[in-house]
Amino acid sequence: MTSERERVVIKIGSSSVTGSDGGPNVELLGRLAGEIKTMHEAGTEVVVVSSGAVAAGWAAIGRGAPRPTDLAVLQAVSAVGQHRLMSVWATSFASHDLTVGQVLLSPYDFADRTQYLHARQTLGQLLALGVVPIVNENDAVADDEIRFGDNDRLAALVAHLVSASRLVMLTDAPGLLSADPRLDADASLIEEVTQIDRSLEALAGGPGEVGSGGMASKLAAARIATWSGVEAVIADARQAGALEAIQRGVVGVGTRFHARPARLSARKLWIAFALAPTGRLIVDSGARNALLGETASLLLPGIVGAEGNFVTGDAVEVVDRDGALVAKGLVRRGADDLADSGRGDEEGSVIIHRDDLVVLTTASDGLA
């Protein structure tokens, strides 16, 4: 998908979308709609990924009770809240003469090539018509075992889908901080990141209280985005003018993650981040080093162990003896086949061909 206009994906988390009453934050959504209108006038096309359907639904029917945790109940609640959330977005954008369109996606839309192309075409047509797509996961019918889990990951995949130049994740924090501010008064904003490594991931905490994400999921989404050649920014949704400042490249407005110069192809991104792994292959140091060259296939002699009940064609993670992630790929032989001690001929010893393999580590760190 190509466009002469710049494209940006803006994700707004539940903690920002939700107001004090638990429903949509009308004031904040209205301000963001105004800022996105300014971006439109400057020639930038915007896709919004919005959380908040469950929160909006529970605010309407929960009667002050604690938010449920049962999946079936949450799915029903999201069905109540989704149209309420869209109503606020539609009203907010209408006041700025912009029309919105609802797009509900599932992991299947990224895992299946035909569905992927259909989703890309739909979003492209909406943008061409001057419509602002409002994207969310199809929570009401999502399978618990086949779902994005949080909209940060969805937003990163959408950014690649629409060939965006930037992913902006708006949250209730100023960005990624050097420490937990609740524990360290000297915690400061990390303004720029060139590589997401283990030390950086250690700074991210667990899920937030309102949504299913948190800083850890945003860092994971930034990793997906940067690997697909998309710059990522984590910024404070409450900061007026943040979107304009980010567009102008102002330093200190959120944490900016630089895109990798060599972006993954759509298929490699699909293997690396859209497919859920069904098992793990443990490799020795020789196999690990060979894979780091990014030109080798994974051969049977380098595998020292396997976990999971994967079959031919499944996605599996490749880890070293210490459990550190090395790569991910599509296996040519299932777990039962690997249990056979026979090594076979040279062609039969290829367990993951290099064309079906994505290296997700660096020699210096163990994580990209």
Protein backbone atom coordinates (compact mmCIF):
# COMPACT_ATOMS: atom_id res chain seq x y z
CA MET A 1 0.00 0.00 0.00
CA THR A 2 1.41 3.36 -1.00
CA SER A 3 0.29 6.91 -0.31
CA GLU A 4 1.70 10.31 -1.11
CA ARG A 5 0.49 11.53 2.27
CA GLU A 6 2.17 10.60 5.53
CA ARG A 7 0.30 8.05 7.61
CA VAL A 8 0.32 7.88 11.38
CA VAL A 9 -1.36 5.37 13.71
CA ILE A 10 -2.44 6.80 17.06
CA LYS A 11 -3.35 4.38 19.84
CA ILE A 12 -5.22 5.60 22.92
CA GLY A 13 -5.25 3.33 25.96
CA SER A 14 -8.18 2.53 28.24
CA SER A 15 -6.75 4.58 31.10
CA SER A 16 -6.82 7.66 28.84
CA VAL A 17 -10.10 6.97 27.03
CA THR A 18 -11.88 6.36 30.34
CA GLY A 19 -13.22 9.26 32.39
CA SER A 20 -13.78 9.50 36.14
CA ASP A 21 -17.20 7.84 35.81
CA GLY A 22 -15.73 4.85 33.98
CA GLY A 23 -17.24 5.87 30.66
CA PRO A 24 -15.52 7.56 27.71
CA ASN A 25 -13.57 10.72 28.56
CA VAL A 26 -15.56 13.11 26.37
CA GLU A 27 -13.29 16.10 27.00
CA LEU A 28 -10.04 14.28 26.16
CA LEU A 29 -11.46 12.54 23.08
CA GLY A 30 -12.78 15.87 21.85
CA ARG A 31 -9.36 17.51 22.23
CA LEU A 32 -7.60 14.65 20.46
CA ALA A 33 -10.11 14.86 17.61
CA GLY A 34 -9.20 18.52 17.23
CA GLU A 35 -5.48 17.75 17.17
CA ILE A 36 -6.02 15.00 14.59
CA LYS A 37 -8.03 17.47 12.48
CA THR A 38 -4.95 19.74 12.50
CA MET A 39 -2.82 16.81 11.34
CA HIS A 40 -5.30 16.17 8.51
CA GLU A 41 -5.09 19.78 7.40
CA ALA A 42 -1.29 19.44 7.34
CA GLY A 43 -1.56 16.47 4.97
CA THR A 44 -1.27 13.54 7.41
CA GLU A 45 -3.67 10.60 7.30
CA VAL A 46 -4.49 9.15 10.72
CA VAL A 47 -5.72 5.76 11.89
CA VAL A 48 -6.93 5.66 15.50
CA VAL A 49 -6.69 2.46 17.55
CA SER A 50 -8.96 2.94 20.53
CA SER A 51 -9.31 0.85 23.66
CA GLY A 52 -12.11 1.40 26.16
CA ALA A 53 -15.05 -0.72 24.96
CA VAL A 54 -15.12 -2.90 28.08
CA ALA A 55 -14.74 0.10 30.38
CA ALA A 56 -17.53 1.95 28.57
CA GLY A 57 -19.80 -1.09 28.70
CA TRP A 58 -19.23 -1.74 32.39
CA ALA A 59 -19.83 1.92 33.20
CA ALA A 60 -23.24 1.54 31.59
CA ILE A 61 -24.36 -1.74 33.20
CA GLY A 62 -22.04 -2.43 36.12
CA ARG A 63 -23.88 -0.25 38.64
CA GLY A 64 -20.68 0.42 40.55
CA ALA A 65 -19.72 -3.24 40.99
CA PRO A 66 -16.09 -4.35 40.55
CA ARG A 67 -15.13 -5.04 36.96
CA PRO A 68 -15.61 -8.75 36.13
CA THR A 69 -12.75 -11.02 35.13
CA ASP A 70 -14.68 -13.82 33.41
CA LEU A 71 -13.96 -13.76 29.66
CA ALA A 72 -17.53 -14.48 28.55
CA VAL A 73 -18.84 -11.63 30.70
CA LEU A 74 -16.15 -9.24 29.46
CA GLN A 75 -17.01 -10.10 25.85
CA ALA A 76 -20.67 -9.35 26.48
CA VAL A 77 -19.75 -6.10 28.23
CA SER A 78 -17.57 -5.05 25.28
CA ALA A 79 -20.55 -5.51 22.97
CA VAL A 80 -22.45 -3.00 25.11
CA GLY A 81 -19.55 -0.57 25.28
CA GLN A 82 -18.23 -0.62 21.72
CA HIS A 83 -21.05 1.40 20.17
CA ARG A 84 -21.03 3.80 23.14
CA LEU A 85 -17.33 4.40 22.62
CA MET A 86 -17.82 4.87 18.86
CA SER A 87 -20.65 7.30 19.50
CA VAL A 88 -18.34 9.58 21.50
CA TRP A 89 -15.61 9.34 18.86
CA ALA A 90 -18.11 10.08 16.07
CA THR A 91 -19.48 13.11 17.89
CA SER A 92 -15.98 14.37 18.73
CA PHE A 93 -14.79 14.18 15.13
CA ALA A 94 -18.08 15.49 13.69
CA SER A 95 -17.51 18.76 15.56
CA HIS A 96 -14.34 19.10 13.44
CA ASP A 97 -16.06 18.08 10.17
CA LEU A 98 -14.45 14.64 10.10
CA THR A 99 -16.24 11.32 9.65
CA VAL A 100 -15.16 8.11 11.39
CA GLY A 101 -15.48 4.47 10.38
CA GLN A 102 -15.40 1.52 12.75
CA VAL A 103 -13.02 -1.35 11.91
CA LEU A 104 -12.95 -4.39 14.21
CA LEU A 105 -10.01 -6.73 13.63
CA SER A 106 -8.94 -10.14 14.90
CA PRO A 107 -5.59 -11.95 14.74
CA TYR A 108 -7.03 -14.01 11.88
CA ASP A 109 -7.05 -10.83 9.78
CA PHE A 110 -3.26 -10.80 10.06
CA ALA A 111 -2.59 -14.54 10.03
CA ASP A 112 -4.54 -15.22 6.82
CA ARG A 113 -3.06 -13.58 3.71
CA THR A 114 -6.43 -12.99 2.03
CA GLN A 115 -7.90 -11.42 5.16
CA TYR A 116 -4.76 -9.33 5.56
CA LEU A 117 -5.15 -7.89 2.08
CA HIS A 118 -8.86 -7.25 2.65
CA ALA A 119 -8.14 -5.37 5.88
CA ARG A 120 -5.44 -3.32 4.19
CA GLN A 121 -7.74 -2.47 1.30
CA THR A 122 -10.58 -1.41 3.61
CA LEU A 123 -8.37 0.86 5.69
CA GLY A 124 -6.80 2.30 2.55
CA GLN A 125 -10.19 3.10 1.05
CA LEU A 126 -11.39 4.76 4.26
CA LEU A 127 -8.30 6.96 4.31
CA ALA A 128 -8.71 7.78 0.62
CA LEU A 129 -12.27 8.90 1.36
CA GLY A 130 -11.04 11.23 4.10
CA VAL A 131 -12.51 9.05 6.85
CA VAL A 132 -10.73 8.46 10.16
CA PRO A 133 -10.72 4.69 10.84
CA ILE A 134 -11.31 3.81 14.50
CA VAL A 135 -9.81 0.35 15.03
CA ASN A 136 -10.35 -2.03 17.93
CA GLU A 137 -10.05 -5.74 18.50
CA ASN A 138 -13.30 -7.60 17.91
CA ASP A 139 -13.54 -8.39 21.63
CA ALA A 140 -17.14 -9.59 21.55
CA VAL A 141 -16.27 -12.72 19.55
CA ALA A 142 -12.50 -13.06 20.10
CA ASP A 143 -11.21 -16.49 21.12
CA ASP A 144 -9.35 -16.35 24.43
CA GLU A 145 -6.50 -18.39 22.93
CA ILE A 146 -6.42 -16.46 19.64
CA ARG A 147 -6.46 -12.77 20.45
CA PHE A 148 -4.12 -9.80 20.50
CA GLY A 149 -4.35 -9.52 24.29
CA ASP A 150 -3.96 -5.74 24.21
CA ASN A 151 -4.41 -2.98 21.66
CA ASP A 152 -0.73 -1.97 21.77
CA ARG A 153 0.22 -5.04 19.74
CA LEU A 154 -2.78 -4.51 17.47
CA ALA A 155 -1.73 -0.90 16.86
CA ALA A 156 1.82 -1.94 15.91
CA LEU A 157 0.52 -4.48 13.42
CA VAL A 158 -1.92 -1.92 11.98
CA ALA A 159 0.97 0.54 11.57
CA HIS A 160 2.71 -1.99 9.33
CA LEU A 161 -0.57 -2.88 7.60
CA VAL A 162 -1.18 0.71 6.43
CA SER A 163 2.52 1.52 5.80
CA ALA A 164 2.56 4.17 8.51
CA SER A 165 5.67 6.18 9.21
CA ARG A 166 4.94 6.52 12.92
CA LEU A 167 3.04 4.79 15.73
CA VAL A 168 2.05 7.03 18.64
CA MET A 169 0.86 5.29 21.81
CA LEU A 170 -0.91 7.73 24.12
CA THR A 171 -1.15 6.65 27.74
CA ASP A 172 -1.30 8.03 31.29
CA ALA A 173 2.50 8.31 31.62
CA PRO A 174 4.93 10.81 30.04
CA GLY A 175 6.77 7.95 28.35
CA LEU A 176 9.27 5.30 29.39
CA LEU A 177 10.99 6.34 32.60
CA SER A 178 14.42 5.39 33.93
CA ALA A 179 12.82 3.89 37.06
CA ASP A 180 9.46 3.38 38.72
CA PRO A 181 8.52 6.89 39.93
CA ARG A 182 6.60 5.36 42.84
CA LEU A 183 9.87 3.93 44.13
CA ASP A 184 12.44 6.39 42.83
CA ALA A 185 11.90 10.14 43.08
CA ASP A 186 14.77 10.71 40.64
CA ALA A 187 13.11 8.75 37.83
CA SER A 188 13.46 10.64 34.55
CA LEU A 189 12.08 10.39 31.04
CA ILE A 190 14.05 8.37 28.51
CA GLU A 191 13.73 10.65 25.50
CA GLU A 192 15.15 8.49 22.70
CA VAL A 193 15.80 4.79 22.19
CA THR A 194 17.83 3.38 19.33
CA GLN A 195 17.63 -0.28 20.38
CA ILE A 196 15.26 -2.14 22.70
CA ASP A 197 17.42 -4.44 24.82
CA ARG A 198 16.99 -6.48 27.98
CA SER A 199 17.95 -3.65 30.32
CA LEU A 200 15.27 -1.45 28.76
CA GLU A 201 12.63 -4.15 29.01
CA ALA A 202 13.45 -4.56 32.69
CA LEU A 203 12.27 -0.98 33.26
CA ALA A 204 8.76 -1.76 32.04
CA GLY A 205 6.33 -2.95 34.71
CA GLY A 206 3.27 -5.19 34.54
CA PRO A 207 -0.21 -4.53 33.17
CA GLY A 208 -2.10 -1.38 34.11
CA GLU A 209 -5.19 -1.42 36.30
CA VAL A 210 -7.79 -0.16 33.79
CA GLY A 211 -6.65 -1.80 30.55
CA SER A 212 -4.93 -5.05 29.70
CA GLY A 213 -1.68 -3.42 28.63
CA GLY A 214 0.81 -1.34 30.58
CA MET A 215 4.30 -0.10 29.79
CA ALA A 216 5.56 -3.63 29.10
CA SER A 217 3.05 -4.14 26.30
CA LYS A 218 3.85 -0.71 24.86
CA LEU A 219 7.53 -1.55 24.78
CA ALA A 220 6.70 -4.82 23.03
CA ALA A 221 4.57 -2.89 20.53
CA ALA A 222 7.39 -0.41 19.96
CA ARG A 223 9.64 -3.37 19.22
CA ILE A 224 7.20 -4.70 16.62
CA ALA A 225 6.86 -1.26 15.04
CA THR A 226 10.57 -0.49 14.86
CA TRP A 227 11.34 -3.91 13.40
CA SER A 228 8.84 -3.16 10.63
CA GLY A 229 10.47 0.20 9.88
CA VAL A 230 7.99 2.34 11.79
CA GLU A 231 9.06 4.94 14.35
CA ALA A 232 7.25 4.57 17.68
CA VAL A 233 6.48 7.13 20.37
CA ILE A 234 5.02 6.63 23.85
CA ALA A 235 3.56 9.89 25.19
CA ASP A 236 1.11 11.36 27.69
CA ALA A 237 -2.45 11.58 26.38
CA ARG A 238 -3.18 14.39 28.84
CA GLN A 239 -0.51 16.69 27.38
CA ALA A 240 -2.25 19.19 25.14
CA GLY A 241 -0.44 19.68 21.84
CA ALA A 242 1.57 16.47 22.19
CA LEU A 243 0.58 15.17 18.75
CA GLU A 244 1.68 18.36 17.01
CA ALA A 245 4.96 18.39 18.96
CA ILE A 246 5.63 14.76 18.05
CA GLN A 247 4.96 15.54 14.39
CA ARG A 248 7.51 18.36 14.55
CA GLY A 249 10.08 16.10 16.19
CA VAL A 250 10.25 18.02 19.46
CA VAL A 251 12.63 16.23 21.82
CA GLY A 252 11.29 15.42 25.29
CA VAL A 253 7.66 14.92 24.29
CA GLY A 254 7.35 11.24 25.12
CA THR A 255 9.87 8.49 24.41
CA ARG A 256 10.82 8.15 20.75
CA PHE A 257 11.94 4.75 19.40
CA HIS A 258 13.94 4.92 16.19
CA ALA A 259 12.90 2.60 13.38
CA ARG A 260 15.36 -0.06 12.30
CA PRO A 261 16.92 0.78 8.90
CA ALA A 262 16.27 -2.75 7.60
CA ARG A 263 12.55 -3.40 7.92
CA LEU A 264 10.99 -6.85 7.95
CA SER A 265 8.87 -7.92 5.01
CA ALA A 266 5.14 -8.35 5.62
CA ARG A 267 5.55 -12.12 5.69
CA LYS A 268 8.47 -12.07 8.12
CA LEU A 269 6.58 -9.65 10.37
CA TRP A 270 3.62 -12.01 10.25
CA ILE A 271 5.82 -14.92 11.34
CA ALA A 272 7.61 -12.91 14.03
CA PHE A 273 4.71 -11.12 15.69
CA ALA A 274 1.28 -12.10 14.33
CA LEU A 275 1.45 -15.87 14.80
CA ALA A 276 1.19 -17.30 18.30
CA PRO A 277 4.02 -19.80 19.00
CA THR A 278 2.93 -23.36 19.70
CA GLY A 279 6.24 -24.58 21.07
CA ARG A 280 9.96 -23.98 21.50
CA LEU A 281 13.13 -25.45 20.03
CA ILE A 282 16.24 -25.31 22.19
CA VAL A 283 19.49 -24.98 20.24
CA ASP A 284 23.18 -25.26 21.05
CA SER A 285 25.66 -22.39 20.76
CA GLY A 286 26.78 -23.45 17.30
CA ALA A 287 23.26 -23.28 15.90
CA ARG A 288 22.62 -19.98 17.69
CA ASN A 289 25.73 -18.40 16.19
CA ALA A 290 24.84 -19.71 12.74
CA LEU A 291 21.35 -18.20 12.97
CA LEU A 292 22.74 -14.81 14.00
CA GLY A 293 24.29 -14.58 10.56
CA GLU A 294 20.69 -14.40 9.22
CA THR A 295 21.53 -16.58 6.22
CA ALA A 296 21.40 -20.05 7.79
CA SER A 297 18.49 -22.41 8.20
CA LEU A 298 17.94 -24.24 11.49
CA LEU A 299 19.19 -27.79 11.10
CA LEU A 300 18.29 -30.82 13.17
CA PRO A 301 21.83 -31.43 14.56
CA GLY A 302 21.78 -28.05 16.31
CA ILE A 303 18.58 -28.79 18.25
CA VAL A 304 19.10 -30.11 21.79
CA GLY A 305 15.49 -30.07 22.97
CA ALA A 306 11.88 -29.32 22.05
CA GLU A 307 8.79 -28.20 23.99
CA GLY A 308 5.15 -28.20 22.91
CA ASN A 309 2.92 -30.25 20.62
CA PHE A 310 3.56 -28.37 17.38
CA VAL A 311 2.97 -29.85 13.95
CA THR A 312 4.39 -29.13 10.50
CA GLY A 313 3.80 -25.49 9.54
CA ASP A 314 3.34 -24.23 13.11
CA ALA A 315 5.21 -21.21 14.44
CA VAL A 316 7.74 -21.98 17.17
CA GLU A 317 10.26 -19.96 19.12
CA VAL A 318 13.96 -20.83 18.95
CA VAL A 319 15.80 -20.31 22.25
CA ASP A 320 19.32 -21.02 23.49
CA ARG A 321 20.20 -23.26 26.43
CA ASP A 322 19.58 -20.35 28.82
CA GLY A 323 16.08 -19.81 27.47
CA ALA A 324 16.94 -16.52 25.72
CA LEU A 325 14.93 -15.92 22.56
CA VAL A 326 16.98 -16.30 19.37
CA ALA A 327 14.45 -16.56 16.55
CA LYS A 328 10.98 -17.62 15.49
CA GLY A 329 9.92 -19.59 12.47
CA LEU A 330 7.69 -22.14 10.78
CA VAL A 331 8.74 -25.75 11.36
CA ARG A 332 8.98 -28.35 8.61
CA ARG A 333 8.65 -31.23 11.06
CA GLY A 334 6.34 -31.69 14.03
CA ALA A 335 7.30 -32.46 17.61
CA ASP A 336 6.63 -36.18 17.19
CA ASP A 337 8.87 -36.26 14.13
CA LEU A 338 11.70 -34.59 16.01
CA ALA A 339 11.53 -37.23 18.70
CA ASP A 340 12.79 -39.68 16.08
CA SER A 341 16.54 -40.03 16.56
CA GLY A 342 17.20 -40.45 12.84
CA ARG A 343 18.94 -37.45 11.31
CA GLY A 344 17.88 -38.07 7.72
CA ASP A 345 19.48 -36.58 4.61
CA GLU A 346 20.63 -32.97 4.30
CA GLU A 347 17.25 -31.72 3.06
CA GLY A 348 15.41 -33.64 5.77
CA SER A 349 17.57 -32.08 8.46
CA VAL A 350 16.23 -28.58 7.72
CA ILE A 351 13.75 -27.96 10.53
CA ILE A 352 13.15 -24.26 9.83
CA HIS A 353 14.22 -22.94 6.44
CA ARG A 354 15.82 -19.49 6.43
CA ASP A 355 12.93 -18.17 4.30
CA ASP A 356 10.55 -19.10 7.16
CA LEU A 357 12.83 -17.85 9.96
CA VAL A 358 13.09 -14.46 11.66
CA VAL A 359 16.14 -13.77 13.88
CA LEU A 360 14.98 -11.82 16.92
CA THR A 361 18.26 -11.34 18.72
CA THR A 362 21.65 -9.72 18.33
CA ALA A 363 25.06 -11.16 19.11
CA SER A 364 25.69 -8.44 21.66
CA ASP A 365 22.58 -8.65 23.75
CA GLY A 366 20.22 -11.53 23.14
CA LEU A 367 17.30 -9.26 22.37
CA ALA A 368 16.96 -6.77 19.58
